Protein backbone atom coordinates (compact mmCIF):
# COMPACT_ATOMS: atom_id res chain seq x y z
CA PHE A 1 -30.00 30.63 -4.98
CA PRO A 2 -32.30 28.73 -2.83
CA SER A 3 -31.10 28.06 0.81
CA HIS A 4 -29.92 24.46 1.67
CA ASP A 5 -30.31 23.00 5.12
CA THR A 6 -26.74 22.21 5.89
CA SER A 7 -27.56 20.70 9.40
CA LEU A 8 -26.98 17.07 8.44
CA VAL A 9 -23.82 17.53 6.32
CA GLU A 10 -20.83 15.68 7.82
CA CYS A 11 -17.38 15.10 6.45
CA TRP A 12 -15.01 12.61 8.13
CA GLU A 13 -11.33 12.24 7.13
CA VAL A 14 -10.27 8.60 7.23
CA LEU A 15 -7.07 8.35 9.30
CA ASN A 16 -5.62 4.92 9.26
CA ASN A 17 -5.14 2.31 6.33
CA GLY A 18 -4.75 -0.45 8.87
CA ASP A 19 -7.39 0.33 11.36
CA PRO A 20 -10.35 -2.17 11.40
CA ILE A 21 -13.08 0.33 11.89
CA ALA A 22 -11.46 2.64 9.01
CA LEU A 23 -11.64 -0.79 6.87
CA PHE A 24 -15.19 -1.44 7.90
CA LYS A 25 -14.11 -4.87 9.23
CA THR A 26 -15.75 -4.28 12.74
CA VAL A 27 -17.62 -1.81 14.72
CA ASN A 28 -16.77 -3.59 17.97
CA ASN A 29 -15.84 -0.85 20.45
CA PHE A 30 -16.78 1.95 17.98
CA ASP A 31 -17.92 4.16 20.55
CA LYS A 32 -14.47 4.28 22.15
CA ALA A 33 -12.34 3.79 19.22
CA TRP A 34 -13.82 5.81 16.40
CA SER A 35 -11.44 8.56 16.77
CA THR A 36 -8.55 6.42 15.76
CA ALA A 37 -10.21 5.72 12.52
CA PHE A 38 -11.99 9.10 11.73
CA GLU A 39 -11.64 12.84 12.58
CA GLY A 40 -14.35 15.09 12.03
CA ARG A 41 -13.62 17.71 9.31
CA TYR A 42 -17.14 19.20 9.03
CA PRO A 43 -18.27 20.63 11.20
CA ASP A 44 -14.58 20.90 12.25
CA GLY A 45 -13.91 18.63 15.30
CA ASN A 46 -17.29 16.97 15.04
CA THR A 47 -17.62 14.28 17.65
CA GLU A 48 -21.35 13.35 16.85
CA VAL A 49 -20.89 10.09 15.30
CA THR A 50 -24.37 8.71 15.26
CA ASN A 51 -24.80 8.53 11.36
CA LEU A 52 -21.28 7.64 10.90
CA LYS A 53 -21.77 4.65 13.21
CA ALA A 54 -24.94 3.64 11.37
CA PHE A 55 -23.02 3.80 7.96
CA CYS A 56 -20.10 1.72 9.29
CA THR A 57 -22.41 -0.90 10.93
CA TRP A 58 -24.25 -1.26 7.56
CA VAL A 59 -20.92 -1.87 5.67
CA THR A 60 -19.54 -4.10 8.04
CA ARG A 61 -22.62 -6.20 8.07
CA SER A 62 -22.59 -6.33 4.42
CA ASN A 63 -19.29 -7.97 4.36
CA GLY A 64 -19.48 -10.84 1.89
CA LYS A 65 -23.21 -10.43 1.41
CA VAL A 66 -23.09 -9.15 -2.26
CA THR A 67 -26.80 -9.50 -3.05
CA ALA A 68 -27.77 -7.54 0.10
CA PHE A 69 -25.18 -4.93 -0.70
CA LYS A 70 -26.48 -4.75 -4.15
CA ARG A 71 -30.07 -4.00 -2.78
CA ASP A 72 -29.19 -1.83 -0.02
CA LYS A 73 -26.45 0.26 -1.44
CA TRP A 74 -28.84 3.05 -2.58
CA GLU A 75 -30.03 3.48 0.86
CA HIS A 76 -26.48 4.30 2.29
CA LEU A 77 -24.31 5.41 -0.63
CA ASP A 78 -24.71 8.20 -3.05
CA VAL A 79 -23.64 5.59 -5.65
CA TYR A 80 -22.86 7.91 -8.58
CA LYS A 81 -20.62 9.83 -6.71
CA VAL A 82 -18.75 6.96 -5.34
CA ALA A 83 -18.33 5.60 -8.76
CA ALA A 84 -16.88 8.99 -10.09
CA TYR A 85 -14.32 8.88 -7.14
CA TYR A 86 -13.50 5.18 -7.99
CA VAL A 87 -12.97 6.24 -11.58
CA TYR A 88 -10.62 9.15 -10.01
CA LEU A 89 -8.81 6.71 -8.10
CA MET A 90 -8.14 4.41 -10.84
CA ARG A 91 -7.42 6.88 -13.64
CA PHE A 92 -5.01 8.94 -11.67
CA GLY A 93 -3.48 6.11 -9.59
CA ALA A 94 -4.55 7.88 -6.24
CA VAL A 95 -2.94 5.11 -4.26
CA ASP A 96 -3.34 6.54 -0.68
CA GLN A 97 -6.96 7.87 -1.04
CA PRO A 98 -9.28 4.81 -0.92
CA VAL A 99 -9.04 4.69 2.81
CA LYS A 100 -6.46 6.96 4.67
CA ASN A 101 -6.38 10.55 3.27
CA ALA A 102 -10.04 9.91 2.04
CA MET A 103 -12.90 12.27 3.00
CA ILE A 104 -16.19 10.33 3.55
CA THR A 105 -18.85 12.74 3.32
CA THR A 106 -22.79 13.06 3.70
CA GLU A 107 -25.16 15.79 2.77
CA ASP A 108 -28.19 14.09 4.38
CA GLY A 109 -26.98 12.15 7.11
CA GLN A 110 -27.73 8.73 5.17
CA HIS A 111 -25.99 8.82 1.76
CA TYR A 112 -22.35 8.63 1.97
CA PHE A 113 -19.80 9.62 -0.85
CA PHE A 114 -16.02 10.60 -1.06
CA ILE A 115 -14.67 13.97 -1.92
CA ASN A 116 -11.10 14.55 -3.37
CA TYR A 117 -8.44 15.38 -0.79
CA ASP A 118 -4.50 15.36 -0.49
CA ASN A 119 -3.33 14.03 -3.94
CA ASP A 120 0.41 13.56 -2.78
CA THR A 121 0.24 10.01 -4.22
CA ILE A 122 -1.10 10.17 -7.71
CA ASN A 123 0.23 9.52 -11.14
CA GLY A 124 2.52 6.74 -10.27
CA GLU A 125 3.96 8.18 -7.07
CA VAL A 126 3.63 5.93 -3.97
CA ASN A 127 3.84 6.92 -0.30
CA THR A 128 7.62 6.53 -0.25
CA GLY A 129 7.80 9.26 -2.74
CA ASN A 130 9.18 6.99 -5.33
CA LEU A 131 7.50 6.85 -8.94
CA GLU A 132 6.64 3.23 -8.77
CA ALA A 133 3.10 2.39 -9.84
CA PRO A 134 2.73 1.40 -13.42
CA TRP A 135 0.43 3.35 -15.86
CA ASP A 136 -2.19 0.42 -15.51
CA VAL A 137 -2.05 0.29 -11.70
CA ASP A 138 -5.28 -1.06 -10.07
CA ARG A 139 -6.19 -2.15 -6.49
CA ASN A 140 -4.42 -5.56 -7.20
CA THR A 141 -1.29 -4.26 -8.27
CA LYS A 142 1.61 -4.91 -5.89
CA GLY A 143 4.84 -2.93 -5.61
CA VAL A 144 8.46 -3.78 -5.64
CA ASP A 145 8.04 -4.54 -1.79
CA GLY A 146 5.35 -7.15 -2.45
CA ALA A 147 2.58 -4.88 -0.72
CA TYR A 148 -0.45 -3.64 -2.67
CA ILE A 149 0.39 -0.12 -4.08
CA TYR A 150 -3.24 1.07 -3.39
CA ALA A 151 -3.44 1.43 0.60
CA GLY A 152 -6.33 -0.22 2.34
CA HIS A 153 -6.54 -3.24 0.04
CA GLU A 154 -8.79 -4.84 2.66
CA SER A 155 -11.39 -2.22 2.91
CA VAL A 156 -14.69 -4.05 3.01
CA LEU A 157 -16.31 -1.05 1.26
CA TRP A 158 -14.21 -0.91 -1.65
CA ASN A 159 -14.09 -4.77 -1.96
CA MET A 160 -17.90 -4.88 -2.03
CA LEU A 161 -18.24 -2.01 -4.37
CA GLU A 162 -15.84 -3.75 -6.70
CA GLN A 163 -17.67 -7.00 -6.42
CA ASP A 164 -20.88 -5.35 -7.06
CA ILE A 165 -20.96 -2.25 -9.41
CA PHE A 166 -17.52 -1.66 -10.65
CA GLN A 167 -17.21 -4.78 -12.37
CA ASN A 168 -20.53 -4.53 -13.96
CA THR A 169 -21.87 -2.46 -16.75
CA TYR A 170 -23.84 0.73 -16.35
CA ARG A 171 -27.22 -1.07 -16.89
CA ASP A 172 -26.47 -3.35 -13.83
CA TRP A 173 -26.46 -0.34 -11.67
CA GLU A 174 -30.09 0.36 -12.33
């Protein structure tokens, strides 16, 4: 097998469904507060956040700008891998993995995607341990408590992705 340069590989665990940085709502105070939103998983304990900050800044600035997001997503996302992860989230009702318990990863320091992690809340099971999510759960489904079943419903990234590519046909991705 050919050797691959892994010097730009980074993986970040997203820690908090309500954190405004983890939801890509803001990058204000990022340099001091990033560790409340992310934990460096590869390299283990990573604290070099230059690439992550650039990605978070792009997502935050894209909020509400669907045309710019649609144009620029190819420069910042591994779109096909993100789409595959979205299909996984929806198909298996992975309700706690869009934000918290997600692993956002890059292999080149620029194009981010998600890798599978945790899986303790899938196939209808929610964070309380109850089998509560219906078979056709999606990000707009609410539970018996009135809260969205999918955690991190206010994520700018996932909302922009749904407005752009996940509601369109394959041909619209090109």
